[in-house]
Protein backbone atom coordinates (compact mmCIF):
# COMPACT_ATOMS: atom_id res chain seq x y z
CA MET A 1 -23.70 -10.87 -28.85
CA VAL A 2 -20.12 -10.69 -27.72
CA GLU A 3 -18.79 -13.86 -26.13
CA LYS A 4 -17.30 -13.60 -22.64
CA GLU A 5 -13.76 -14.27 -23.91
CA GLN A 6 -14.11 -11.59 -26.58
CA LEU A 7 -15.56 -9.22 -24.01
CA THR A 8 -12.58 -9.52 -21.69
CA GLU A 9 -10.21 -9.20 -24.66
CA THR A 10 -11.98 -6.11 -25.96
CA VAL A 11 -12.36 -4.33 -22.65
CA GLY A 12 -9.04 -5.41 -21.27
CA PRO A 13 -8.16 -7.23 -18.09
CA LYS A 14 -6.88 -4.08 -16.36
CA ILE A 15 -10.20 -2.25 -16.70
CA LEU A 16 -12.15 -5.30 -15.57
CA GLU A 17 -9.82 -5.72 -12.60
CA GLU A 18 -10.38 -2.09 -11.58
CA GLU A 19 -14.12 -2.70 -11.76
CA GLY A 20 -13.94 -5.86 -9.65
CA GLY A 21 -14.19 -8.38 -12.47
CA VAL A 22 -17.13 -9.30 -14.64
CA ASN A 23 -20.52 -10.21 -13.24
CA GLU A 24 -23.68 -10.80 -15.25
CA ASP A 25 -24.92 -7.19 -14.95
CA LYS A 26 -21.60 -5.71 -16.02
CA GLU A 27 -21.37 -8.18 -18.86
CA LEU A 28 -24.79 -7.14 -20.17
CA GLN A 29 -23.88 -3.45 -19.84
CA LEU A 30 -20.63 -3.98 -21.70
CA GLN A 31 -22.39 -5.93 -24.44
CA ALA A 32 -24.93 -3.13 -24.88
CA PHE A 33 -22.14 -0.54 -25.00
CA LEU A 34 -20.12 -2.54 -27.54
CA LYS A 35 -23.21 -3.02 -29.70
CA LEU A 36 -23.80 0.74 -29.65
CA VAL A 37 -20.18 1.37 -30.59
CA SER A 38 -20.43 -1.18 -33.38
CA ASN A 39 -23.53 0.54 -34.75
CA CYS A 40 -21.67 3.87 -34.77
CA PHE A 41 -19.00 2.39 -37.05
CA LYS A 42 -21.34 1.03 -39.73
CA THR A 43 -20.21 1.86 -43.24
CA GLU A 44 -23.46 3.37 -44.48
CA ARG A 45 -24.31 6.67 -42.86
CA THR A 46 -28.00 5.80 -42.91
CA ASP A 47 -27.28 2.65 -40.88
CA ARG A 48 -25.55 4.60 -38.10
CA PRO A 49 -27.55 6.05 -35.21
CA LEU A 50 -27.99 9.80 -34.89
CA MET A 51 -25.88 11.45 -32.19
CA ILE A 52 -29.01 12.35 -30.23
CA ASP A 53 -29.96 8.67 -30.18
CA VAL A 54 -26.45 7.70 -29.08
CA ALA A 55 -26.61 10.27 -26.28
CA LYS A 56 -30.01 8.97 -25.15
CA GLU A 57 -28.79 5.38 -25.16
CA LEU A 58 -25.67 6.31 -23.18
CA ALA A 59 -27.82 8.21 -20.68
CA LYS A 60 -30.00 5.10 -20.23
CA MET A 61 -26.89 3.00 -19.67
CA VAL A 62 -25.58 5.39 -17.03
CA LYS A 63 -28.97 5.52 -15.33
CA SER A 64 -29.18 1.72 -15.20
CA THR A 65 -25.85 1.50 -13.35
CA LYS A 66 -27.11 3.57 -10.42
């Protein structure tokens, strides 16, 4: 998992400020998003998720924020 300090470095203070800072829910959402992004950049094509799976995961993330 991404540590809180790394999370704020990666996302950027300006974005977090616009979103009202980091709370536990946002932190978990950001960690899930960054993990998905990380999986998309794996070297081996067979280790990367299919685009349909990425789209489904993103849709779940959006749904969970409502």
